[in-house]
Structures are given as C-alpha cells and as structure tokens.
Amino acid sequence: VVFDIDDTLLLSLDYEKRYNYTYNSA
C-alpha cells in the first residue's frame, strides 16, 4: 500500500488556519 503524508497521515489544519489558507515556503 502507498500513502501520501501531508493531510493523508498528518493533518495541516493548524497551518491552514494560522496562515489564512495561503502558502509560503519558509
């Protein structure tokens, strides 16, 4: 079986909320 990691095994909801659903590499 193959699993992705981000938001398949580890939830990134706190990041999404904290940064208002925007992305910054740093």
mmCIF file of all heavy atoms, coordinates in Angstrom:
data_MODEL
# 
_entry.id   MODEL 
# 
loop_
_atom_site.group_PDB 
_atom_site.id 
_atom_site.type_symbol 
_atom_site.label_atom_id 
_atom_site.label_alt_id 
_atom_site.label_comp_id 
_atom_site.label_asym_id 
_atom_site.label_entity_id 
_atom_site.label_seq_id 
_atom_site.pdbx_PDB_ins_code 
_atom_site.Cartn_x 
_atom_site.Cartn_y 
_atom_site.Cartn_z 
_atom_site.occupancy 
_atom_site.B_iso_or_equiv 
_atom_site.pdbx_formal_charge 
_atom_site.auth_seq_id 
_atom_site.auth_comp_id 
_atom_site.auth_asym_id 
_atom_site.auth_atom_id 
_atom_site.pdbx_PDB_model_num 
ATOM 1   N N   . VAL A 1 1  ? 0.858   -1.178 0.000  1.00 0.00 ? 1  VAL A N   1 
ATOM 2   C CA  . VAL A 1 1  ? 0.000   0.000  0.000  1.00 0.00 ? 1  VAL A CA  1 
ATOM 3   C C   . VAL A 1 1  ? 0.897   1.232  0.000  1.00 0.00 ? 1  VAL A C   1 
ATOM 4   O O   . VAL A 1 1  ? 2.024   1.186  0.509  1.00 0.00 ? 1  VAL A O   1 
ATOM 5   C CB  . VAL A 1 1  ? -0.952  0.049  1.223  1.00 0.00 ? 1  VAL A CB  1 
ATOM 6   C CG1 . VAL A 1 1  ? -2.044  -0.995 1.108  1.00 0.00 ? 1  VAL A CG1 1 
ATOM 7   C CG2 . VAL A 1 1  ? -0.177  -0.117 2.529  1.00 0.00 ? 1  VAL A CG2 1 
ATOM 8   N N   . VAL A 1 2  ? 0.408   2.315  -0.587 1.00 0.00 ? 2  VAL A N   1 
ATOM 9   C CA  . VAL A 1 2  ? 1.167   3.560  -0.678 1.00 0.00 ? 2  VAL A CA  1 
ATOM 10  C C   . VAL A 1 2  ? 0.345   4.682  -0.057 1.00 0.00 ? 2  VAL A C   1 
ATOM 11  O O   . VAL A 1 2  ? -0.846  4.834  -0.361 1.00 0.00 ? 2  VAL A O   1 
ATOM 12  C CB  . VAL A 1 2  ? 1.513   3.892  -2.147 1.00 0.00 ? 2  VAL A CB  1 
ATOM 13  C CG1 . VAL A 1 2  ? 2.198   5.248  -2.245 1.00 0.00 ? 2  VAL A CG1 1 
ATOM 14  C CG2 . VAL A 1 2  ? 2.406   2.809  -2.750 1.00 0.00 ? 2  VAL A CG2 1 
ATOM 15  N N   . PHE A 1 3  ? 0.998   5.463  0.801  1.00 0.00 ? 3  PHE A N   1 
ATOM 16  C CA  . PHE A 1 3  ? 0.349   6.590  1.462  1.00 0.00 ? 3  PHE A CA  1 
ATOM 17  C C   . PHE A 1 3  ? 1.074   7.890  1.148  1.00 0.00 ? 3  PHE A C   1 
ATOM 18  O O   . PHE A 1 3  ? 2.311   7.958  1.251  1.00 0.00 ? 3  PHE A O   1 
ATOM 19  C CB  . PHE A 1 3  ? 0.363   6.414  2.986  1.00 0.00 ? 3  PHE A CB  1 
ATOM 20  C CG  . PHE A 1 3  ? -0.589  5.387  3.517  1.00 0.00 ? 3  PHE A CG  1 
ATOM 21  C CD1 . PHE A 1 3  ? -0.212  4.053  3.587  1.00 0.00 ? 3  PHE A CD1 1 
ATOM 22  C CD2 . PHE A 1 3  ? -1.855  5.741  3.957  1.00 0.00 ? 3  PHE A CD2 1 
ATOM 23  C CE1 . PHE A 1 3  ? -1.082  3.091  4.081  1.00 0.00 ? 3  PHE A CE1 1 
ATOM 24  C CE2 . PHE A 1 3  ? -2.738  4.790  4.448  1.00 0.00 ? 3  PHE A CE2 1 
ATOM 25  C CZ  . PHE A 1 3  ? -2.356  3.464  4.513  1.00 0.00 ? 3  PHE A CZ  1 
ATOM 26  N N   . ASP A 1 4  ? 0.323   8.903  0.778  1.00 0.00 ? 4  ASP A N   1 
ATOM 27  C CA  . ASP A 1 4  ? 0.816   10.266 0.841  1.00 0.00 ? 4  ASP A CA  1 
ATOM 28  C C   . ASP A 1 4  ? 0.980   10.614 2.326  1.00 0.00 ? 4  ASP A C   1 
ATOM 29  O O   . ASP A 1 4  ? 0.476   9.888  3.201  1.00 0.00 ? 4  ASP A O   1 
ATOM 30  C CB  . ASP A 1 4  ? -0.201  11.192 0.156  1.00 0.00 ? 4  ASP A CB  1 
ATOM 31  C CG  . ASP A 1 4  ? 0.106   12.657 0.356  1.00 0.00 ? 4  ASP A CG  1 
ATOM 32  O OD1 . ASP A 1 4  ? 1.237   13.079 0.031  1.00 0.00 ? 4  ASP A OD1 1 
ATOM 33  O OD2 . ASP A 1 4  ? -0.770  13.382 0.863  1.00 0.00 ? 4  ASP A OD2 1 
ATOM 34  N N   . ILE A 1 5  ? 1.655   11.719 2.645  1.00 0.00 ? 5  ILE A N   1 
ATOM 35  C CA  . ILE A 1 5  ? 1.845   12.095 4.049  1.00 0.00 ? 5  ILE A CA  1 
ATOM 36  C C   . ILE A 1 5  ? 1.000   13.299 4.439  1.00 0.00 ? 5  ILE A C   1 
ATOM 37  O O   . ILE A 1 5  ? 0.164   13.221 5.339  1.00 0.00 ? 5  ILE A O   1 
ATOM 38  C CB  . ILE A 1 5  ? 3.333   12.354 4.346  1.00 0.00 ? 5  ILE A CB  1 
ATOM 39  C CG1 . ILE A 1 5  ? 4.127   11.043 4.203  1.00 0.00 ? 5  ILE A CG1 1 
ATOM 40  C CG2 . ILE A 1 5  ? 3.509   12.931 5.753  1.00 0.00 ? 5  ILE A CG2 1 
ATOM 41  C CD1 . ILE A 1 5  ? 5.630   11.197 4.396  1.00 0.00 ? 5  ILE A CD1 1 
ATOM 42  N N   . ASP A 1 6  ? 1.209   14.453 3.772  1.00 0.00 ? 6  ASP A N   1 
ATOM 43  C CA  . ASP A 1 6  ? 0.516   15.684 4.166  1.00 0.00 ? 6  ASP A CA  1 
ATOM 44  C C   . ASP A 1 6  ? -0.985  15.560 3.961  1.00 0.00 ? 6  ASP A C   1 
ATOM 45  O O   . ASP A 1 6  ? -1.462  15.349 2.839  1.00 0.00 ? 6  ASP A O   1 
ATOM 46  C CB  . ASP A 1 6  ? 1.040   16.873 3.358  1.00 0.00 ? 6  ASP A CB  1 
ATOM 47  C CG  . ASP A 1 6  ? 2.526   17.115 3.576  1.00 0.00 ? 6  ASP A CG  1 
ATOM 48  O OD1 . ASP A 1 6  ? 2.979   16.937 4.724  1.00 0.00 ? 6  ASP A OD1 1 
ATOM 49  O OD2 . ASP A 1 6  ? 3.216   17.467 2.612  1.00 0.00 ? 6  ASP A OD2 1 
ATOM 50  N N   . ASP A 1 7  ? -1.736  15.683 5.039  1.00 0.00 ? 7  ASP A N   1 
ATOM 51  C CA  . ASP A 1 7  ? -3.197  15.645 5.050  1.00 0.00 ? 7  ASP A CA  1 
ATOM 52  C C   . ASP A 1 7  ? -3.774  14.317 4.569  1.00 0.00 ? 7  ASP A C   1 
ATOM 53  O O   . ASP A 1 7  ? -4.961  14.223 4.257  1.00 0.00 ? 7  ASP A O   1 
ATOM 54  C CB  . ASP A 1 7  ? -3.773  16.838 4.277  1.00 0.00 ? 7  ASP A CB  1 
ATOM 55  C CG  . ASP A 1 7  ? -3.442  18.144 4.997  1.00 0.00 ? 7  ASP A CG  1 
ATOM 56  O OD1 . ASP A 1 7  ? -3.955  18.336 6.106  1.00 0.00 ? 7  ASP A OD1 1 
ATOM 57  O OD2 . ASP A 1 7  ? -2.622  18.928 4.478  1.00 0.00 ? 7  ASP A OD2 1 
ATOM 58  N N   . THR A 1 8  ? -2.906  13.315 4.520  1.00 0.00 ? 8  THR A N   1 
ATOM 59  C CA  . THR A 1 8  ? -3.327  11.923 4.375  1.00 0.00 ? 8  THR A CA  1 
ATOM 60  C C   . THR A 1 8  ? -3.015  11.176 5.663  1.00 0.00 ? 8  THR A C   1 
ATOM 61  O O   . THR A 1 8  ? -3.831  10.398 6.151  1.00 0.00 ? 8  THR A O   1 
ATOM 62  C CB  . THR A 1 8  ? -2.637  11.255 3.182  1.00 0.00 ? 8  THR A CB  1 
ATOM 63  O OG1 . THR A 1 8  ? -3.002  11.937 1.978  1.00 0.00 ? 8  THR A OG1 1 
ATOM 64  C CG2 . THR A 1 8  ? -3.031  9.787  3.060  1.00 0.00 ? 8  THR A CG2 1 
ATOM 65  N N   . LEU A 1 9  ? -1.842  11.448 6.229  1.00 0.00 ? 9  LEU A N   1 
ATOM 66  C CA  . LEU A 1 9  ? -1.458  10.876 7.523  1.00 0.00 ? 9  LEU A CA  1 
ATOM 67  C C   . LEU A 1 9  ? -1.296  11.947 8.603  1.00 0.00 ? 9  LEU A C   1 
ATOM 68  O O   . LEU A 1 9  ? -1.622  11.704 9.762  1.00 0.00 ? 9  LEU A O   1 
ATOM 69  C CB  . LEU A 1 9  ? -0.140  10.102 7.380  1.00 0.00 ? 9  LEU A CB  1 
ATOM 70  C CG  . LEU A 1 9  ? -0.227  8.812  6.560  1.00 0.00 ? 9  LEU A CG  1 
ATOM 71  C CD1 . LEU A 1 9  ? 1.179   8.295  6.241  1.00 0.00 ? 9  LEU A CD1 1 
ATOM 72  C CD2 . LEU A 1 9  ? -1.024  7.752  7.304  1.00 0.00 ? 9  LEU A CD2 1 
ATOM 73  N N   . LEU A 1 10 ? -0.793  13.122 8.215  1.00 0.00 ? 10 LEU A N   1 
ATOM 74  C CA  . LEU A 1 10 ? -0.558  14.211 9.168  1.00 0.00 ? 10 LEU A CA  1 
ATOM 75  C C   . LEU A 1 10 ? -1.404  15.415 8.782  1.00 0.00 ? 10 LEU A C   1 
ATOM 76  O O   . LEU A 1 10 ? -1.342  15.895 7.644  1.00 0.00 ? 10 LEU A O   1 
ATOM 77  C CB  . LEU A 1 10 ? 0.921   14.602 9.172  1.00 0.00 ? 10 LEU A CB  1 
ATOM 78  C CG  . LEU A 1 10 ? 1.918   13.481 9.512  1.00 0.00 ? 10 LEU A CG  1 
ATOM 79  C CD1 . LEU A 1 10 ? 3.347   13.998 9.387  1.00 0.00 ? 10 LEU A CD1 1 
ATOM 80  C CD2 . LEU A 1 10 ? 1.664   12.924 10.902 1.00 0.00 ? 10 LEU A CD2 1 
ATOM 81  N N   . LEU A 1 11 ? -2.185  15.899 9.717  1.00 0.00 ? 11 LEU A N   1 
ATOM 82  C CA  . LEU A 1 11 ? -3.149  16.972 9.439  1.00 0.00 ? 11 LEU A CA  1 
ATOM 83  C C   . LEU A 1 11 ? -2.495  18.348 9.562  1.00 0.00 ? 11 LEU A C   1 
ATOM 84  O O   . LEU A 1 11 ? -1.879  18.661 10.584 1.00 0.00 ? 11 LEU A O   1 
ATOM 85  C CB  . LEU A 1 11 ? -4.328  16.869 10.413 1.00 0.00 ? 11 LEU A CB  1 
ATOM 86  C CG  . LEU A 1 11 ? -5.468  17.868 10.200 1.00 0.00 ? 11 LEU A CG  1 
ATOM 87  C CD1 . LEU A 1 11 ? -6.141  17.640 8.855  1.00 0.00 ? 11 LEU A CD1 1 
ATOM 88  C CD2 . LEU A 1 11 ? -6.487  17.760 11.339 1.00 0.00 ? 11 LEU A CD2 1 
ATOM 89  N N   . SER A 1 12 ? -2.672  19.169 8.528  1.00 0.00 ? 12 SER A N   1 
ATOM 90  C CA  . SER A 1 12 ? -2.071  20.501 8.480  1.00 0.00 ? 12 SER A CA  1 
ATOM 91  C C   . SER A 1 12 ? -3.089  21.614 8.735  1.00 0.00 ? 12 SER A C   1 
ATOM 92  O O   . SER A 1 12 ? -2.849  22.765 8.370  1.00 0.00 ? 12 SER A O   1 
ATOM 93  C CB  . SER A 1 12 ? -1.409  20.726 7.109  1.00 0.00 ? 12 SER A CB  1 
ATOM 94  O OG  . SER A 1 12 ? -0.491  19.703 6.820  1.00 0.00 ? 12 SER A OG  1 
ATOM 95  N N   . LEU A 1 13 ? -4.201  21.291 9.367  1.00 0.00 ? 13 LEU A N   1 
ATOM 96  C CA  . LEU A 1 13 ? -5.271  22.275 9.565  1.00 0.00 ? 13 LEU A CA  1 
ATOM 97  C C   . LEU A 1 13 ? -4.771  23.504 10.316 1.00 0.00 ? 13 LEU A C   1 
ATOM 98  O O   . LEU A 1 13 ? -5.155  24.633 9.986  1.00 0.00 ? 13 LEU A O   1 
ATOM 99  C CB  . LEU A 1 13 ? -6.428  21.620 10.319 1.00 0.00 ? 13 LEU A CB  1 
ATOM 100 C CG  . LEU A 1 13 ? -7.621  22.522 10.627 1.00 0.00 ? 13 LEU A CG  1 
ATOM 101 C CD1 . LEU A 1 13 ? -8.263  23.046 9.345  1.00 0.00 ? 13 LEU A CD1 1 
ATOM 102 C CD2 . LEU A 1 13 ? -8.657  21.765 11.467 1.00 0.00 ? 13 LEU A CD2 1 
ATOM 103 N N   . ASP A 1 14 ? -3.934  23.334 11.331 1.00 0.00 ? 14 ASP A N   1 
ATOM 104 C CA  . ASP A 1 14 ? -3.458  24.482 12.104 1.00 0.00 ? 14 ASP A CA  1 
ATOM 105 C C   . ASP A 1 14 ? -2.685  25.455 11.222 1.00 0.00 ? 14 ASP A C   1 
ATOM 106 O O   . ASP A 1 14 ? -2.841  26.673 11.339 1.00 0.00 ? 14 ASP A O   1 
ATOM 107 C CB  . ASP A 1 14 ? -2.580  24.010 13.268 1.00 0.00 ? 14 ASP A CB  1 
ATOM 108 C CG  . ASP A 1 14 ? -2.125  25.168 14.127 1.00 0.00 ? 14 ASP A CG  1 
ATOM 109 O OD1 . ASP A 1 14 ? -2.991  25.829 14.737 1.00 0.00 ? 14 ASP A OD1 1 
ATOM 110 O OD2 . ASP A 1 14 ? -0.902  25.430 14.181 1.00 0.00 ? 14 ASP A OD2 1 
ATOM 111 N N   . TYR A 1 15 ? -1.854  24.933 10.322 1.00 0.00 ? 15 TYR A N   1 
ATOM 112 C CA  . TYR A 1 15 ? -1.119  25.802 9.396  1.00 0.00 ? 15 TYR A CA  1 
ATOM 113 C C   . TYR A 1 15 ? -2.079  26.552 8.484  1.00 0.00 ? 15 TYR A C   1 
ATOM 114 O O   . TYR A 1 15 ? -1.940  27.764 8.270  1.00 0.00 ? 15 TYR A O   1 
ATOM 115 C CB  . TYR A 1 15 ? -0.150  24.980 8.561  1.00 0.00 ? 15 TYR A CB  1 
ATOM 116 C CG  . TYR A 1 15 ? 0.643   25.810 7.567  1.00 0.00 ? 15 TYR A CG  1 
ATOM 117 C CD1 . TYR A 1 15 ? 1.820   26.432 7.942  1.00 0.00 ? 15 TYR A CD1 1 
ATOM 118 C CD2 . TYR A 1 15 ? 0.195   25.973 6.253  1.00 0.00 ? 15 TYR A CD2 1 
ATOM 119 C CE1 . TYR A 1 15 ? 2.539   27.215 7.040  1.00 0.00 ? 15 TYR A CE1 1 
ATOM 120 C CE2 . TYR A 1 15 ? 0.903   26.736 5.349  1.00 0.00 ? 15 TYR A CE2 1 
ATOM 121 C CZ  . TYR A 1 15 ? 2.081   27.358 5.746  1.00 0.00 ? 15 TYR A CZ  1 
ATOM 122 O OH  . TYR A 1 15 ? 2.779   28.140 4.843  1.00 0.00 ? 15 TYR A OH  1 
ATOM 123 N N   . GLU A 1 16 ? -3.049  25.836 7.940  1.00 0.00 ? 16 GLU A N   1 
ATOM 124 C CA  . GLU A 1 16 ? -4.006  26.464 7.020  1.00 0.00 ? 16 GLU A CA  1 
ATOM 125 C C   . GLU A 1 16 ? -4.753  27.605 7.702  1.00 0.00 ? 16 GLU A C   1 
ATOM 126 O O   . GLU A 1 16 ? -4.906  28.698 7.149  1.00 0.00 ? 16 GLU A O   1 
ATOM 127 C CB  . GLU A 1 16 ? -4.998  25.428 6.499  1.00 0.00 ? 16 GLU A CB  1 
ATOM 128 C CG  . GLU A 1 16 ? -4.375  24.237 5.801  1.00 0.00 ? 16 GLU A CG  1 
ATOM 129 C CD  . GLU A 1 16 ? -3.539  24.628 4.607  1.00 0.00 ? 16 GLU A CD  1 
ATOM 130 O OE1 . GLU A 1 16 ? -3.807  25.676 3.995  1.00 0.00 ? 16 GLU A OE1 1 
ATOM 131 O OE2 . GLU A 1 16 ? -2.598  23.882 4.286  1.00 0.00 ? 16 GLU A OE2 1 
ATOM 132 N N   . LYS A 1 17 ? -5.233  27.352 8.914  1.00 0.00 ? 17 LYS A N   1 
ATOM 133 C CA  . LYS A 1 17 ? -5.976  28.384 9.644  1.00 0.00 ? 17 LYS A CA  1 
ATOM 134 C C   . LYS A 1 17 ? -5.062  29.554 10.012 1.00 0.00 ? 17 LYS A C   1 
ATOM 135 O O   . LYS A 1 17 ? -5.434  30.721 9.861  1.00 0.00 ? 17 LYS A O   1 
ATOM 136 C CB  . LYS A 1 17 ? -6.576  27.785 10.917 1.00 0.00 ? 17 LYS A CB  1 
ATOM 137 C CG  . LYS A 1 17 ? -7.779  26.914 10.677 1.00 0.00 ? 17 LYS A CG  1 
ATOM 138 C CD  . LYS A 1 17 ? -9.013  27.754 10.325 1.00 0.00 ? 17 LYS A CD  1 
ATOM 139 C CE  . LYS A 1 17 ? -9.449  28.630 11.488 1.00 0.00 ? 17 LYS A CE  1 
ATOM 140 N NZ  . LYS A 1 17 ? -10.623 29.464 11.123 1.00 0.00 ? 17 LYS A NZ  1 
ATOM 141 N N   . ARG A 1 18 ? -3.885  29.233 10.510 1.00 0.00 ? 18 ARG A N   1 
ATOM 142 C CA  . ARG A 1 18 ? -2.984  30.266 11.024 1.00 0.00 ? 18 ARG A CA  1 
ATOM 143 C C   . ARG A 1 18 ? -2.528  31.208 9.919  1.00 0.00 ? 18 ARG A C   1 
ATOM 144 O O   . ARG A 1 18 ? -2.321  32.411 10.150 1.00 0.00 ? 18 ARG A O   1 
ATOM 145 C CB  . ARG A 1 18 ? -1.789  29.601 11.694 1.00 0.00 ? 18 ARG A CB  1 
ATOM 146 C CG  . ARG A 1 18 ? -1.029  30.484 12.657 1.00 0.00 ? 18 ARG A CG  1 
ATOM 147 C CD  . ARG A 1 18 ? -0.116  29.668 13.536 1.00 0.00 ? 18 ARG A CD  1 
ATOM 148 N NE  . ARG A 1 18 ? -0.838  28.714 14.350 1.00 0.00 ? 18 ARG A NE  1 
ATOM 149 C CZ  . ARG A 1 18 ? -1.499  29.030 15.459 1.00 0.00 ? 18 ARG A CZ  1 
ATOM 150 N NH1 . ARG A 1 18 ? -1.547  30.281 15.862 1.00 0.00 ? 18 ARG A NH1 1 
ATOM 151 N NH2 . ARG A 1 18 ? -2.121  28.091 16.146 1.00 0.00 ? 18 ARG A NH2 1 
ATOM 152 N N   . TYR A 1 19 ? -2.365  30.674 8.717  1.00 0.00 ? 19 TYR A N   1 
ATOM 153 C CA  . TYR A 1 19 ? -1.891  31.499 7.600  1.00 0.00 ? 19 TYR A CA  1 
ATOM 154 C C   . TYR A 1 19 ? -2.990  31.769 6.579  1.00 0.00 ? 19 TYR A C   1 
ATOM 155 O O   . TYR A 1 19 ? -2.715  32.110 5.424  1.00 0.00 ? 19 TYR A O   1 
ATOM 156 C CB  . TYR A 1 19 ? -0.670  30.835 6.952  1.00 0.00 ? 19 TYR A CB  1 
ATOM 157 C CG  . TYR A 1 19 ? 0.530   30.848 7.871  1.00 0.00 ? 19 TYR A CG  1 
ATOM 158 C CD1 . TYR A 1 19 ? 0.838   29.724 8.641  1.00 0.00 ? 19 TYR A CD1 1 
ATOM 159 C CD2 . TYR A 1 19 ? 1.304   31.988 8.018  1.00 0.00 ? 19 TYR A CD2 1 
ATOM 160 C CE1 . TYR A 1 19 ? 1.916   29.746 9.514  1.00 0.00 ? 19 TYR A CE1 1 
ATOM 161 C CE2 . TYR A 1 19 ? 2.384   32.016 8.887  1.00 0.00 ? 19 TYR A CE2 1 
ATOM 162 C CZ  . TYR A 1 19 ? 2.683   30.892 9.638  1.00 0.00 ? 19 TYR A CZ  1 
ATOM 163 O OH  . TYR A 1 19 ? 3.748   30.912 10.512 1.00 0.00 ? 19 TYR A OH  1 
ATOM 164 N N   . ASN A 1 20 ? -4.224  31.628 7.022  1.00 0.00 ? 20 ASN A N   1 
ATOM 165 C CA  . ASN A 1 20 ? -5.390  32.010 6.223  1.00 0.00 ? 20 ASN A CA  1 
ATOM 166 C C   . ASN A 1 20 ? -5.383  31.358 4.845  1.00 0.00 ? 20 ASN A C   1 
ATOM 167 O O   . ASN A 1 20 ? -5.649  31.986 3.837  1.00 0.00 ? 20 ASN A O   1 
ATOM 168 C CB  . ASN A 1 20 ? -5.481  33.538 6.094  1.00 0.00 ? 20 ASN A CB  1 
ATOM 169 C CG  . ASN A 1 20 ? -6.866  33.986 5.674  1.00 0.00 ? 20 ASN A CG  1 
ATOM 170 O OD1 . ASN A 1 20 ? -7.866  33.317 5.949  1.00 0.00 ? 20 ASN A OD1 1 
ATOM 171 N ND2 . ASN A 1 20 ? -6.931  35.120 4.988  1.00 0.00 ? 20 ASN A ND2 1 
ATOM 172 N N   . TYR A 1 21 ? -5.047  30.059 4.821  1.00 0.00 ? 21 TYR A N   1 
ATOM 173 C CA  . TYR A 1 21 ? -5.105  29.249 3.604  1.00 0.00 ? 21 TYR A CA  1 
ATOM 174 C C   . TYR A 1 21 ? -4.196  29.777 2.496  1.00 0.00 ? 21 TYR A C   1 
ATOM 175 O O   . TYR A 1 21 ? -4.509  29.693 1.316  1.00 0.00 ? 21 TYR A O   1 
ATOM 176 C CB  . TYR A 1 21 ? -6.548  29.130 3.116  1.00 0.00 ? 21 TYR A CB  1 
ATOM 177 C CG  . TYR A 1 21 ? -7.451  28.570 4.186  1.00 0.00 ? 21 TYR A CG  1 
ATOM 178 C CD1 . TYR A 1 21 ? -8.202  29.420 5.003  1.00 0.00 ? 21 TYR A CD1 1 
ATOM 179 C CD2 . TYR A 1 21 ? -7.531  27.206 4.426  1.00 0.00 ? 21 TYR A CD2 1 
ATOM 180 C CE1 . TYR A 1 21 ? -9.008  28.908 6.020  1.00 0.00 ? 21 TYR A CE1 1 
ATOM 181 C CE2 . TYR A 1 21 ? -8.317  26.694 5.441  1.00 0.00 ? 21 TYR A CE2 1 
ATOM 182 C CZ  . TYR A 1 21 ? -9.050  27.548 6.235  1.00 0.00 ? 21 TYR A CZ  1 
ATOM 183 O OH  . TYR A 1 21 ? -9.826  27.045 7.242  1.00 0.00 ? 21 TYR A OH  1 
ATOM 184 N N   . THR A 1 22 ? -3.060  30.338 2.907  1.00 0.00 ? 22 THR A N   1 
ATOM 185 C CA  . THR A 1 22 ? -2.035  30.754 1.948  1.00 0.00 ? 22 THR A CA  1 
ATOM 186 C C   . THR A 1 22 ? -0.794  29.917 2.179  1.00 0.00 ? 22 THR A C   1 
ATOM 187 O O   . THR A 1 22 ? -0.664  29.252 3.206  1.00 0.00 ? 22 THR A O   1 
ATOM 188 C CB  . THR A 1 22 ? -1.688  32.247 2.093  1.00 0.00 ? 22 THR A CB  1 
ATOM 189 O OG1 . THR A 1 22 ? -1.183  32.481 3.423  1.00 0.00 ? 22 THR A OG1 1 
ATOM 190 C CG2 . THR A 1 22 ? -2.909  33.110 1.848  1.00 0.00 ? 22 THR A CG2 1 
ATOM 191 N N   . TYR A 1 23 ? 0.119   29.949 1.229  1.00 0.00 ? 23 TYR A N   1 
ATOM 192 C CA  . TYR A 1 23 ? 1.324   29.123 1.310  1.00 0.00 ? 23 TYR A CA  1 
ATOM 193 C C   . TYR A 1 23 ? 2.568   29.974 1.176  1.00 0.00 ? 23 TYR A C   1 
ATOM 194 O O   . TYR A 1 23 ? 2.654   30.864 0.320  1.00 0.00 ? 23 TYR A O   1 
ATOM 195 C CB  . TYR A 1 23 ? 1.310   28.070 0.198  1.00 0.00 ? 23 TYR A CB  1 
ATOM 196 C CG  . TYR A 1 23 ? 2.595   27.272 0.107  1.00 0.00 ? 23 TYR A CG  1 
ATOM 197 C CD1 . TYR A 1 23 ? 2.875   26.286 1.044  1.00 0.00 ? 23 TYR A CD1 1 
ATOM 198 C CD2 . TYR A 1 23 ? 3.517   27.531 -0.902 1.00 0.00 ? 23 TYR A CD2 1 
ATOM 199 C CE1 . TYR A 1 23 ? 4.059   25.551 0.974  1.00 0.00 ? 23 TYR A CE1 1 
ATOM 200 C CE2 . TYR A 1 23 ? 4.695   26.801 -0.993 1.00 0.00 ? 23 TYR A CE2 1 
ATOM 201 C CZ  . TYR A 1 23 ? 4.958   25.813 -0.046 1.00 0.00 ? 23 TYR A CZ  1 
ATOM 202 O OH  . TYR A 1 23 ? 6.122   25.094 -0.117 1.00 0.00 ? 23 TYR A OH  1 
ATOM 203 N N   . ASN A 1 24 ? 3.523   29.713 2.052  1.00 0.00 ? 24 ASN A N   1 
ATOM 204 C CA  . ASN A 1 24 ? 4.830   30.350 1.990  1.00 0.00 ? 24 ASN A CA  1 
ATOM 205 C C   . ASN A 1 24 ? 5.854   29.272 2.302  1.00 0.00 ? 24 ASN A C   1 
ATOM 206 O O   . ASN A 1 24 ? 5.730   28.561 3.306  1.00 0.00 ? 24 ASN A O   1 
ATOM 207 C CB  . ASN A 1 24 ? 4.905   31.493 3.011  1.00 0.00 ? 24 ASN A CB  1 
ATOM 208 C CG  . ASN A 1 24 ? 6.289   32.102 3.113  1.00 0.00 ? 24 ASN A CG  1 
ATOM 209 O OD1 . ASN A 1 24 ? 7.140   31.580 3.813  1.00 0.00 ? 24 ASN A OD1 1 
ATOM 210 N ND2 . ASN A 1 24 ? 6.497   33.208 2.418  1.00 0.00 ? 24 ASN A ND2 1 
ATOM 211 N N   . SER A 1 25 ? 6.852   29.123 1.455  1.00 0.00 ? 25 SER A N   1 
ATOM 212 C CA  . SER A 1 25 ? 7.783   28.004 1.610  1.00 0.00 ? 25 SER A CA  1 
ATOM 213 C C   . SER A 1 25 ? 8.526   28.051 2.941  1.00 0.00 ? 25 SER A C   1 
ATOM 214 O O   . SER A 1 25 ? 8.780   26.999 3.554  1.00 0.00 ? 25 SER A O   1 
ATOM 215 C CB  . SER A 1 25 ? 8.778   27.984 0.443  1.00 0.00 ? 25 SER A CB  1 
ATOM 216 O OG  . SER A 1 25 ? 9.524   29.189 0.384  1.00 0.00 ? 25 SER A OG  1 
ATOM 217 N N   . ALA A 1 26 ? 8.864   29.248 3.415  1.00 0.00 ? 26 ALA A N   1 
ATOM 218 C CA  . ALA A 1 26 ? 9.612   29.349 4.670  1.00 0.00 ? 26 ALA A CA  1 
ATOM 219 C C   . ALA A 1 26 ? 8.749   28.973 5.870  1.00 0.00 ? 26 ALA A C   1 
ATOM 220 O O   . ALA A 1 26 ? 9.180   28.213 6.748  1.00 0.00 ? 26 ALA A O   1 
ATOM 221 C CB  . ALA A 1 26 ? 10.168  30.759 4.838  1.00 0.00 ? 26 ALA A CB  1 
# 
